[in-house]
């Protein structure tokens, strides 16, 4: 369902691409492009400047709050599943995207973008392993080195749970305040997003012409297929490890999936997910612990899709993906997804994907354009997230002997 900000972004994208395509193939370097380029760059820089403080603060506060919620045995079991599955689906999302791009490569017109956006030299496997622990966290932040920043934030958040509760809460409250302040700034930047998207889209239209629409459609299809793969994987896990039965699980989750796709909100789907507990042989008390935690901390399909976006942009810009950068991107995606749950879709899109791109050495210049068409992929992200929540409810909450009948 398109809301007004999404409609404005889509209009800006359409107008910018259409206007730019009028000059495609002419080597146009006129006044319109000379104005659009700095406007687009300034807007993108304004959005990018919030990434390091926002992600760091969200992750520290999120890990602290997760630690405070884990005293119950059911909660600890659920969070163990969250942690393991987030890493697995992040790796799987990237692998599926790579496979899909082998079967259906990005349209040839995309090659023109590589001349417009300089791709940084990606880290080698050795460089990644050498710099996973930040020797200087201030330098890491200044260099936007997301892998060591995420490692530091995770350790800091875990350490907060081990000190005096009042002191830990005070520090976590400070980071929540930093995150909320950054979100205000992001809100201001997104308020003028149609201008930034229009300017960036004009440059893309000049470079690609009508081929830009084909690339965006190709991107949407790849991300949707990745999300559907994660949803299918969750069905298989519930049926096998969870002993729920394929048909029985599918019948139980359909109502929640329908709400998820119509609302694009895991939170709005929570009441329907809770009502599925009896059909999945999970007692109401356990479901009441697991599902709120899942909605607060667990976005499996989104984490997988975020890696897929970074992989897609890497292929588009011709950035090689090494084993080290691939693993780095997947681990960053798994970690930052925890802190970004509950953010508005437009905010979380950039806040959680930009760190993954940075960790993999991929330019983020085109992320605003992808944000403008995120509504359709987001339907399938939410579908996958809700399916994953119900899968973990079954895995962590069912008792031995609760086999399907």
Protein backbone atom coordinates (compact mmCIF):
# COMPACT_ATOMS: atom_id res chain seq x y z
CA UNK A 1 0.00 0.00 0.00
CA UNK A 2 1.57 3.28 -1.14
CA UNK A 3 1.64 6.11 1.39
CA UNK A 4 2.13 9.76 0.47
CA UNK A 5 5.96 9.84 1.00
CA UNK A 6 6.31 6.73 -1.16
CA UNK A 7 4.12 8.29 -3.86
CA UNK A 8 6.22 11.47 -3.85
CA UNK A 9 9.42 9.48 -4.18
CA UNK A 10 7.99 7.39 -7.01
CA UNK A 11 6.87 10.54 -8.85
CA UNK A 12 10.32 12.12 -8.38
CA UNK A 13 12.00 8.96 -9.65
CA UNK A 14 9.72 8.77 -12.70
CA UNK A 15 10.10 12.44 -13.58
CA UNK A 16 13.88 12.39 -13.11
CA UNK A 17 14.43 9.26 -15.18
CA UNK A 18 12.05 10.45 -17.89
CA UNK A 19 13.66 13.89 -18.14
CA UNK A 20 17.15 12.45 -18.13
CA UNK A 21 16.31 9.86 -20.78
CA UNK A 22 15.53 12.71 -23.20
CA UNK A 23 19.28 13.44 -23.25
CA UNK A 24 20.44 9.82 -23.26
CA UNK A 25 23.06 8.96 -25.86
CA UNK A 26 23.91 12.62 -26.55
CA UNK A 27 26.87 12.98 -24.13
CA UNK A 28 24.86 15.74 -22.50
CA UNK A 29 26.85 17.88 -20.04
CA UNK A 30 24.56 20.92 -19.99
CA UNK A 31 23.32 23.16 -17.16
CA UNK A 32 20.60 20.75 -15.97
CA UNK A 33 23.14 18.03 -15.26
CA UNK A 34 25.60 20.48 -13.73
CA UNK A 35 22.89 21.51 -11.27
CA UNK A 36 21.48 18.01 -10.65
CA UNK A 37 24.83 16.42 -9.81
CA UNK A 38 25.77 18.64 -6.83
CA UNK A 39 22.20 18.62 -5.50
CA UNK A 40 22.07 14.84 -5.63
CA UNK A 41 25.52 14.56 -4.03
CA UNK A 42 24.70 16.99 -1.21
CA UNK A 43 21.47 15.17 -0.41
CA UNK A 44 23.16 11.77 -0.46
CA UNK A 45 25.97 13.08 1.77
CA UNK A 46 23.39 14.45 4.22
CA UNK A 47 21.78 11.02 4.43
CA UNK A 48 25.12 9.18 4.65
CA UNK A 49 26.46 11.33 7.49
CA UNK A 50 23.92 9.82 9.90
CA UNK A 51 24.85 6.18 9.23
CA UNK A 52 27.76 5.74 11.68
CA UNK A 53 26.18 7.38 14.76
CA UNK A 54 22.73 5.96 14.01
CA UNK A 55 23.81 2.36 13.45
CA UNK A 56 26.24 2.39 16.39
CA UNK A 57 23.69 3.83 18.81
CA UNK A 58 20.87 1.56 17.63
CA UNK A 59 23.05 -1.53 17.89
CA UNK A 60 24.37 -0.77 21.39
CA UNK A 61 20.88 0.01 22.71
CA UNK A 62 19.36 -2.97 20.89
CA UNK A 63 21.90 -5.48 22.23
CA UNK A 64 21.49 -4.11 25.78
CA UNK A 65 17.71 -4.40 25.59
CA UNK A 66 17.93 -7.89 24.14
CA UNK A 67 20.20 -8.89 27.02
CA UNK A 68 17.74 -7.52 29.55
CA UNK A 69 14.94 -9.55 27.91
CA UNK A 70 16.78 -12.87 27.97
CA UNK A 71 16.32 -14.00 31.57
CA UNK A 72 13.58 -16.49 30.71
CA UNK A 73 14.63 -19.90 29.34
CA UNK A 74 12.15 -19.61 26.46
CA UNK A 75 13.48 -16.16 25.63
CA UNK A 76 17.08 -17.38 25.67
CA UNK A 77 16.18 -20.26 23.38
CA UNK A 78 14.38 -17.94 20.98
CA UNK A 79 17.26 -15.47 20.87
CA UNK A 80 19.70 -18.29 20.15
CA UNK A 81 17.55 -19.19 17.13
CA UNK A 82 17.41 -15.50 16.14
CA UNK A 83 21.20 -15.16 16.20
CA UNK A 84 21.90 -18.37 14.30
CA UNK A 85 19.22 -17.88 11.69
CA UNK A 86 20.14 -14.24 11.02
CA UNK A 87 23.66 -15.28 10.05
CA UNK A 88 22.41 -18.22 7.96
CA UNK A 89 19.78 -16.23 6.05
CA UNK A 90 22.18 -13.33 5.46
CA UNK A 91 24.65 -15.70 3.83
CA UNK A 92 21.86 -17.46 1.95
CA UNK A 93 20.38 -14.19 0.70
CA UNK A 94 23.72 -13.21 -0.84
CA UNK A 95 24.23 -16.65 -2.37
CA UNK A 96 20.73 -16.69 -3.87
CA UNK A 97 21.27 -13.23 -5.34
CA UNK A 98 24.57 -14.33 -6.87
CA UNK A 99 22.86 -17.40 -8.34
CA UNK A 100 19.98 -15.38 -9.76
CA UNK A 101 22.40 -12.89 -11.31
CA UNK A 102 24.23 -15.78 -12.95
CA UNK A 103 20.96 -17.02 -14.43
CA UNK A 104 19.72 -13.56 -15.35
CA UNK A 105 22.56 -11.00 -15.48
CA UNK A 106 21.95 -7.30 -14.93
CA UNK A 107 21.01 -5.65 -18.27
CA UNK A 108 24.00 -4.50 -20.32
CA UNK A 109 22.95 -0.85 -20.13
CA UNK A 110 24.00 -0.80 -16.48
CA UNK A 111 27.64 -0.78 -17.58
CA UNK A 112 27.26 2.93 -18.31
CA UNK A 113 26.84 3.64 -14.61
CA UNK A 114 30.35 2.49 -13.74
CA UNK A 115 31.75 5.54 -15.48
CA UNK A 116 29.50 7.84 -13.46
CA UNK A 117 30.22 6.34 -10.02
CA UNK A 118 33.75 5.47 -8.94
CA UNK A 119 33.82 2.13 -7.17
CA UNK A 120 36.24 1.86 -4.24
CA UNK A 121 38.80 -0.92 -4.14
CA UNK A 122 37.22 -3.70 -2.04
CA UNK A 123 38.99 -5.18 0.96
CA UNK A 124 40.80 -8.44 0.50
CA UNK A 125 40.11 -11.39 2.79
CA UNK A 126 43.34 -10.69 4.63
CA UNK A 127 42.55 -7.00 5.10
CA UNK A 128 39.12 -7.84 6.50
CA UNK A 129 40.45 -10.33 9.03
CA UNK A 130 43.27 -7.96 9.99
CA UNK A 131 40.83 -5.10 10.73
CA UNK A 132 37.88 -6.90 12.28
CA UNK A 133 38.92 -5.65 15.75
CA UNK A 134 39.33 -1.85 15.75
CA UNK A 135 42.68 -0.72 17.10
CA UNK A 136 41.27 2.82 17.18
CA UNK A 137 37.49 3.08 17.29
CA UNK A 138 37.56 6.83 16.55
CA UNK A 139 39.60 6.20 13.39
CA UNK A 140 37.23 3.37 12.42
CA UNK A 141 34.28 5.75 12.73
CA UNK A 142 36.09 8.46 10.76
CA UNK A 143 36.87 5.94 8.01
CA UNK A 144 33.29 4.56 8.06
CA UNK A 145 34.77 1.10 8.64
CA UNK A 146 31.53 -0.72 9.38
CA UNK A 147 32.88 -4.17 10.30
CA UNK A 148 35.04 -3.00 13.24
CA UNK A 149 32.34 -0.51 14.26
CA UNK A 150 29.73 -3.27 14.42
CA UNK A 151 32.09 -5.51 16.39
CA UNK A 152 32.76 -2.70 18.87
CA UNK A 153 29.04 -1.88 19.21
CA UNK A 154 28.17 -5.54 19.83
CA UNK A 155 30.87 -5.89 22.49
CA UNK A 156 29.87 -2.59 24.10
CA UNK A 157 26.19 -3.59 24.20
CA UNK A 158 26.98 -7.01 25.69
CA UNK A 159 29.30 -5.40 28.25
CA UNK A 160 26.54 -3.04 29.36
CA UNK A 161 24.45 -6.04 30.41
CA UNK A 162 27.26 -7.15 32.77
CA UNK A 163 27.65 -3.94 34.79
CA UNK A 164 25.38 -2.42 37.42
CA UNK A 165 21.85 -2.38 35.99
CA UNK A 166 21.24 1.30 36.75
CA UNK A 167 24.55 2.35 35.20
CA UNK A 168 23.92 0.17 32.16
CA UNK A 169 20.43 1.59 31.72
CA UNK A 170 21.73 5.16 31.96
CA UNK A 171 24.33 4.54 29.27
CA UNK A 172 21.82 2.70 27.07
CA UNK A 173 19.39 5.60 27.54
CA UNK A 174 22.08 7.97 26.25
CA UNK A 175 22.56 5.88 23.12
CA UNK A 176 18.80 5.66 22.61
CA UNK A 177 18.78 9.47 22.78
CA UNK A 178 21.57 9.66 20.19
CA UNK A 179 19.63 7.30 17.92
CA UNK A 180 16.44 9.33 18.29
CA UNK A 181 18.35 12.53 17.53
CA UNK A 182 19.82 10.98 14.39
CA UNK A 183 16.34 9.87 13.37
CA UNK A 184 15.14 13.47 13.59
CA UNK A 185 17.96 14.51 11.25
CA UNK A 186 17.14 11.62 8.92
CA UNK A 187 13.51 12.75 8.96
CA UNK A 188 14.57 16.22 7.85
CA UNK A 189 16.71 14.78 5.06
CA UNK A 190 13.90 12.47 3.93
CA UNK A 191 11.47 15.38 3.92
CA UNK A 192 13.38 16.79 0.94
CA UNK A 193 13.99 13.31 -0.51
CA UNK A 194 11.93 13.97 -3.67
CA UNK A 195 14.41 16.72 -4.61
CA UNK A 196 17.42 14.48 -4.02
CA UNK A 197 15.86 11.52 -5.81
CA UNK A 198 14.82 13.73 -8.73
CA UNK A 199 18.39 15.04 -9.09
CA UNK A 200 19.98 11.59 -8.83
CA UNK A 201 17.41 10.04 -11.16
CA UNK A 202 18.06 12.70 -13.78
CA UNK A 203 21.74 11.75 -13.89
CA UNK A 204 20.85 8.05 -14.13
CA UNK A 205 18.37 8.80 -16.90
CA UNK A 206 21.04 10.65 -18.87
CA UNK A 207 23.42 7.71 -18.44
CA UNK A 208 20.97 4.89 -19.11
CA UNK A 209 17.97 6.31 -20.90
CA UNK A 210 14.91 4.06 -21.03
CA UNK A 211 17.10 1.13 -19.95
CA UNK A 212 16.97 2.44 -16.36
CA UNK A 213 13.38 1.15 -15.98
CA UNK A 214 14.44 -2.33 -17.07
CA UNK A 215 17.29 -2.38 -14.53
CA UNK A 216 14.97 -1.30 -11.70
CA UNK A 217 12.43 -3.98 -12.65
CA UNK A 218 15.19 -6.58 -12.78
CA UNK A 219 16.35 -5.48 -9.31
CA UNK A 220 12.83 -5.74 -7.85
CA UNK A 221 12.39 -9.27 -9.20
CA UNK A 222 15.73 -10.43 -7.75
CA UNK A 223 14.95 -9.06 -4.26
CA UNK A 224 11.44 -10.53 -4.27
CA UNK A 225 12.80 -13.96 -5.22
CA UNK A 226 15.35 -13.76 -2.40
CA UNK A 227 12.58 -12.96 0.11
CA UNK A 228 10.43 -15.82 -1.20
CA UNK A 229 13.42 -18.15 -0.86
CA UNK A 230 13.77 -17.21 2.82
CA UNK A 231 10.03 -17.74 3.40
CA UNK A 232 10.30 -21.18 1.76
CA UNK A 233 13.33 -22.04 3.86
CA UNK A 234 11.38 -21.16 7.01
CA UNK A 235 8.54 -23.47 5.96
CA UNK A 236 11.07 -26.28 5.52
CA UNK A 237 12.71 -25.60 8.90
CA UNK A 238 9.36 -25.61 10.71
CA UNK A 239 8.35 -28.84 8.99
CA UNK A 240 11.65 -30.63 9.64
CA UNK A 241 13.44 -29.33 12.74
CA UNK A 242 10.17 -28.07 14.23
CA UNK A 243 8.23 -31.23 13.35
CA UNK A 244 5.26 -29.07 12.42
CA UNK A 245 4.32 -30.75 9.15
CA UNK A 246 4.43 -28.89 5.85
CA UNK A 247 0.69 -28.61 5.25
CA UNK A 248 -0.16 -28.02 8.89
CA UNK A 249 2.38 -25.18 9.17
CA UNK A 250 1.28 -23.61 5.88
CA UNK A 251 -2.37 -23.58 6.97
CA UNK A 252 -1.49 -22.08 10.35
CA UNK A 253 0.60 -19.21 8.97
CA UNK A 254 -1.55 -18.14 6.00
CA UNK A 255 -3.69 -15.65 8.00
CA UNK A 256 -0.61 -13.91 9.43
CA UNK A 257 1.04 -13.87 6.00
CA UNK A 258 -2.05 -12.25 4.50
CA UNK A 259 -2.02 -9.51 7.14
CA UNK A 260 1.73 -9.05 6.67
CA UNK A 261 1.42 -8.53 2.92
CA UNK A 262 -1.52 -6.16 3.22
CA UNK A 263 -0.06 -4.01 6.01
CA UNK A 264 3.70 -4.37 5.38
CA UNK A 265 4.07 -4.46 9.16
CA UNK A 266 5.24 -7.31 11.37
CA UNK A 267 3.89 -5.43 14.39
CA UNK A 268 0.41 -5.22 12.87
CA UNK A 269 0.60 -8.96 12.20
CA UNK A 270 1.43 -9.78 15.84
CA UNK A 271 -2.15 -10.46 17.04
CA UNK A 272 -2.77 -12.85 14.13
CA UNK A 273 0.58 -14.55 14.73
CA UNK A 274 -0.37 -15.11 18.38
CA UNK A 275 -3.64 -16.68 17.28
CA UNK A 276 -1.66 -19.27 15.26
CA UNK A 277 0.00 -20.66 18.40
CA UNK A 278 -2.64 -23.32 19.21
CA UNK A 279 -2.56 -24.69 15.66
CA UNK A 280 1.22 -24.99 15.93
CA UNK A 281 1.03 -26.69 19.33
CA UNK A 282 2.73 -23.81 21.16
CA UNK A 283 1.19 -22.72 24.45
CA UNK A 284 -0.01 -19.14 24.69
CA UNK A 285 2.48 -18.19 27.41
CA UNK A 286 5.48 -19.25 25.32
CA UNK A 287 4.09 -17.55 22.20
CA UNK A 288 3.56 -14.39 24.26
CA UNK A 289 7.28 -14.33 25.03
CA UNK A 290 8.71 -15.42 21.68
CA UNK A 291 6.66 -13.40 19.21
CA UNK A 292 7.08 -9.94 20.79
CA UNK A 293 10.83 -10.63 20.93
CA UNK A 294 10.75 -11.75 17.30
CA UNK A 295 8.93 -8.61 16.17
CA UNK A 296 11.42 -6.50 18.16
CA UNK A 297 14.67 -8.23 17.20
CA UNK A 298 14.25 -10.59 14.26
CA UNK A 299 13.95 -9.61 10.60
CA UNK A 300 15.24 -12.63 8.75
CA UNK A 301 14.01 -11.85 5.23
CA UNK A 302 15.09 -8.23 5.53
CA UNK A 303 18.63 -9.21 6.56
CA UNK A 304 18.84 -11.59 3.60
CA UNK A 305 17.43 -9.01 1.21
CA UNK A 306 19.88 -6.37 2.47
CA UNK A 307 22.83 -8.57 1.51
CA UNK A 308 21.14 -9.25 -1.82
CA UNK A 309 20.86 -5.49 -2.45
CA UNK A 310 24.57 -5.05 -1.75
CA UNK A 311 25.41 -8.00 -4.04
CA UNK A 312 23.22 -6.53 -6.78
CA UNK A 313 24.91 -3.13 -6.51
CA UNK A 314 28.33 -4.78 -6.48
CA UNK A 315 27.52 -6.57 -9.73
CA UNK A 316 26.05 -3.41 -11.21
CA UNK A 317 29.15 -1.36 -10.42
CA UNK A 318 31.59 -4.12 -11.29
CA UNK A 319 32.92 -4.44 -7.72
CA UNK A 320 34.43 -7.92 -7.20
CA UNK A 321 33.00 -9.87 -4.26
CA UNK A 322 35.68 -11.79 -2.39
CA UNK A 323 35.01 -14.43 0.24
CA UNK A 324 36.08 -11.97 2.92
CA UNK A 325 33.88 -9.09 1.78
CA UNK A 326 30.93 -11.44 1.29
CA UNK A 327 31.21 -12.80 4.85
CA UNK A 328 31.77 -9.29 6.20
CA UNK A 329 28.61 -8.04 4.48
CA UNK A 330 26.53 -10.95 5.75
CA UNK A 331 27.72 -10.55 9.35
CA UNK A 332 27.12 -6.79 9.28
CA UNK A 333 23.64 -7.36 7.82
CA UNK A 334 22.79 -9.84 10.58
CA UNK A 335 24.03 -7.49 13.30
CA UNK A 336 22.55 -4.18 12.14
CA UNK A 337 19.15 -5.74 11.46
CA UNK A 338 18.76 -6.21 15.23
CA UNK A 339 19.10 -2.52 15.97
CA UNK A 340 16.96 -1.24 13.11
CA UNK A 341 13.76 -3.18 13.86
CA UNK A 342 10.83 -0.84 14.35
CA UNK A 343 12.27 2.04 12.32
CA UNK A 344 10.11 3.54 9.56
CA UNK A 345 10.69 1.72 6.27
CA UNK A 346 12.32 4.71 4.54
CA UNK A 347 14.73 5.21 7.44
CA UNK A 348 15.61 1.57 7.96
CA UNK A 349 16.20 0.95 4.24
CA UNK A 350 19.24 3.22 4.14
CA UNK A 351 20.32 2.70 7.75
CA UNK A 352 20.69 -1.08 7.42
CA UNK A 353 21.78 -1.46 3.79
CA UNK A 354 24.40 1.30 3.64
CA UNK A 355 26.59 -0.38 6.32
CA UNK A 356 26.43 -3.66 4.39
CA UNK A 357 27.46 -1.90 1.18
CA UNK A 358 30.29 -0.07 2.94
CA UNK A 359 31.53 -3.32 4.49
CA UNK A 360 31.63 -4.89 1.01
CA UNK A 361 33.23 -1.87 -0.69
CA UNK A 362 30.11 -1.12 -2.75
CA UNK A 363 29.02 2.45 -3.67
CA UNK A 364 25.76 3.60 -2.05
CA UNK A 365 24.97 6.25 -4.67
CA UNK A 366 22.00 4.38 -6.13
CA UNK A 367 20.37 3.43 -2.81
CA UNK A 368 18.05 6.48 -2.88
CA UNK A 369 16.68 5.37 -6.25
CA UNK A 370 16.06 1.87 -4.90
CA UNK A 371 14.37 3.44 -1.87
CA UNK A 372 11.85 5.03 -4.25
CA UNK A 373 10.72 1.58 -5.49
CA UNK A 374 11.06 -0.26 -2.17
CA UNK A 375 7.30 -0.57 -1.58
CA UNK A 376 6.85 -3.73 -3.66
CA UNK A 377 9.91 -5.61 -2.32
CA UNK A 378 8.89 -4.54 1.20
CA UNK A 379 5.66 -6.54 0.86
CA UNK A 380 7.73 -9.70 0.42
CA UNK A 381 10.26 -8.70 3.08
CA UNK A 382 7.39 -8.53 5.58
CA UNK A 383 6.00 -11.84 4.34
CA UNK A 384 9.37 -13.51 4.94
CA UNK A 385 9.84 -11.81 8.33
CA UNK A 386 6.46 -12.95 9.65
CA UNK A 387 6.98 -16.49 8.36
CA UNK A 388 10.37 -16.55 10.11
CA UNK A 389 8.82 -15.28 13.36
CA UNK A 390 6.28 -18.10 13.35
CA UNK A 391 8.98 -20.63 12.50
CA UNK A 392 11.03 -19.62 15.54
CA UNK A 393 7.89 -19.71 17.66
CA UNK A 394 7.50 -23.35 16.69
CA UNK A 395 11.22 -24.17 17.01
CA UNK A 396 11.70 -22.51 20.41
CA UNK A 397 8.24 -22.95 21.87
CA UNK A 398 6.95 -26.41 21.05
CA UNK A 399 7.32 -29.17 23.60
CA UNK A 400 8.48 -32.74 22.81
CA UNK A 401 5.54 -34.81 21.70
CA UNK A 402 3.74 -31.89 20.01
CA UNK A 403 3.77 -33.60 16.63
CA UNK A 404 1.26 -32.79 13.94
CA UNK A 405 -1.85 -34.89 13.86
